[in-house]
Amino acid sequence: DVGNVLDRLIRGVKTIESNVSFSRDPHLGFLTFCPTNLGSTVRASVHIKLPKTSARKDFKDICDKLNLQVRGIHGEHSDSEGGVMDISNKQRLGISEYQAVRQMYDGVKKLIEMEESSK
């Protein structure tokens, strides 16, 4: 249930933020150690097994068009294990937290539909 997970995250961030301030630039958004996380900083991800869809030659292109980033389950530069991969929203800068989660949700939903329709 993505909605409940997001609600828990928001409550947790608010609790932390009440004790520690986050660095924020009015133009770039939240500042982090990793420049790829500038903006909302939200990287919404799921671990999912898509053996048929991920075997397609155009899988990376499909994910790019859906604004999704694919990596192994042990982080950047790791491989998929047992066909399970980590799929997340690619964009963080210039979109809201809600849009980041929605980007991941909509993209993964499309990948699941492709997997289920594959023969």
Protein backbone atom coordinates (compact mmCIF):
# COMPACT_ATOMS: atom_id res chain seq x y z
CA ASP A 1 0.00 0.00 0.00
CA VAL A 2 2.02 2.92 -1.34
CA GLY A 3 -0.23 5.56 0.25
CA ASN A 4 0.30 4.25 3.79
CA VAL A 5 4.05 3.93 3.24
CA LEU A 6 4.19 7.54 2.06
CA ASP A 7 2.14 8.71 5.06
CA ARG A 8 4.56 6.93 7.43
CA LEU A 9 7.52 8.51 5.66
CA ILE A 10 6.02 12.00 5.92
CA ARG A 11 5.34 11.55 9.65
CA GLY A 12 8.89 10.29 10.19
CA VAL A 13 10.45 13.19 8.29
CA LYS A 14 8.34 15.70 10.24
CA THR A 15 9.49 14.12 13.51
CA ILE A 16 13.14 14.37 12.50
CA GLU A 17 12.66 17.88 11.11
CA SER A 18 11.26 19.07 14.44
CA ASN A 19 14.71 18.37 15.96
CA VAL A 20 17.11 18.83 13.02
CA SER A 21 16.89 21.31 10.16
CA PHE A 22 17.48 20.19 6.59
CA SER A 23 19.56 22.28 4.17
CA ARG A 24 17.34 23.75 1.49
CA ASP A 25 18.08 26.05 -1.41
CA PRO A 26 15.13 28.12 -2.70
CA HIS A 27 15.99 27.20 -6.30
CA LEU A 28 17.39 23.63 -6.02
CA GLY A 29 15.29 22.28 -3.17
CA PHE A 30 16.81 20.05 -0.51
CA LEU A 31 20.61 19.78 -0.60
CA THR A 32 22.18 16.36 -0.20
CA PHE A 33 25.62 14.77 -0.47
CA CYS A 34 24.60 13.25 -3.81
CA PRO A 35 23.73 15.79 -6.52
CA THR A 36 21.37 13.31 -8.20
CA ASN A 37 19.08 13.67 -5.19
CA LEU A 38 18.70 17.46 -5.34
CA GLY A 39 15.13 18.69 -5.24
CA SER A 40 12.51 16.61 -3.50
CA THR A 41 15.22 14.02 -2.64
CA VAL A 42 12.50 11.35 -2.86
CA ARG A 43 13.59 8.06 -4.38
CA ALA A 44 10.51 5.84 -4.27
CA SER A 45 11.42 2.26 -5.11
CA VAL A 46 10.16 -1.29 -5.13
CA HIS A 47 11.90 -4.63 -5.40
CA ILE A 48 10.16 -6.61 -8.10
CA LYS A 49 10.71 -9.67 -10.26
CA LEU A 50 9.88 -9.18 -13.95
CA PRO A 51 11.63 -12.08 -15.74
CA LYS A 52 9.91 -11.73 -19.12
CA THR A 53 9.85 -7.96 -19.37
CA SER A 54 13.40 -7.47 -18.08
CA ALA A 55 14.70 -9.98 -20.66
CA ARG A 56 13.50 -7.78 -23.52
CA LYS A 57 16.25 -6.07 -25.52
CA ASP A 58 14.42 -2.76 -25.17
CA PHE A 59 13.86 -3.02 -21.40
CA LYS A 60 16.20 -0.12 -20.60
CA ASP A 61 14.54 2.05 -23.26
CA ILE A 62 11.10 1.20 -21.86
CA CYS A 63 12.22 2.18 -18.36
CA ASP A 64 13.77 5.41 -19.66
CA LYS A 65 10.49 6.37 -21.35
CA LEU A 66 8.66 5.67 -18.07
CA ASN A 67 11.22 7.82 -16.16
CA LEU A 68 12.32 4.79 -14.15
CA GLN A 69 15.76 3.85 -12.88
CA VAL A 70 16.68 0.17 -12.58
CA ARG A 71 19.41 -1.18 -10.32
CA GLY A 72 20.24 -4.30 -8.38
CA ILE A 73 18.74 -4.86 -4.95
CA HIS A 74 22.02 -3.95 -3.23
CA GLY A 75 22.14 -0.40 -4.57
CA GLU A 76 23.78 1.41 -7.44
CA HIS A 77 26.08 -0.65 -9.64
CA SER A 78 24.81 -3.96 -8.22
CA ASP A 79 23.24 -6.69 -10.29
CA SER A 80 19.78 -8.16 -10.10
CA GLU A 81 19.59 -11.23 -7.85
CA GLY A 82 17.30 -14.06 -8.86
CA GLY A 83 15.66 -11.74 -11.36
CA VAL A 84 14.66 -9.30 -8.62
CA MET A 85 15.55 -5.68 -9.29
CA ASP A 86 15.11 -2.32 -7.61
CA ILE A 87 13.00 0.07 -9.70
CA SER A 88 12.59 3.72 -8.73
CA ASN A 89 11.60 7.12 -10.07
CA LYS A 90 14.39 8.71 -12.06
CA GLN A 91 13.44 12.35 -11.51
CA ARG A 92 13.89 14.21 -8.24
CA LEU A 93 14.64 17.79 -9.26
CA GLY A 94 11.70 19.89 -10.41
CA ILE A 95 8.94 17.59 -9.15
CA SER A 96 7.09 17.28 -5.86
CA GLU A 97 7.36 14.37 -3.47
CA TYR A 98 3.93 13.20 -4.58
CA GLN A 99 4.95 13.36 -8.25
CA ALA A 100 8.09 11.31 -7.50
CA VAL A 101 6.07 8.54 -5.86
CA ARG A 102 3.44 8.71 -8.60
CA GLN A 103 6.13 8.42 -11.28
CA MET A 104 7.41 5.20 -9.71
CA TYR A 105 3.90 3.82 -9.12
CA ASP A 106 2.62 4.49 -12.64
CA GLY A 107 5.79 3.16 -14.26
CA VAL A 108 5.89 -0.04 -12.23
CA LYS A 109 2.18 -0.58 -12.87
CA LYS A 110 2.88 -0.40 -16.62
CA LEU A 111 5.80 -2.86 -16.29
CA ILE A 112 3.56 -5.30 -14.38
CA GLU A 113 0.93 -5.04 -17.12
CA MET A 114 3.61 -5.80 -19.72
CA GLU A 115 4.85 -8.77 -17.68
CA GLU A 116 1.35 -10.20 -17.30
CA SER A 117 0.60 -9.84 -21.02
CA SER A 118 3.90 -11.47 -22.11
CA LYS A 119 3.80 -15.01 -23.36
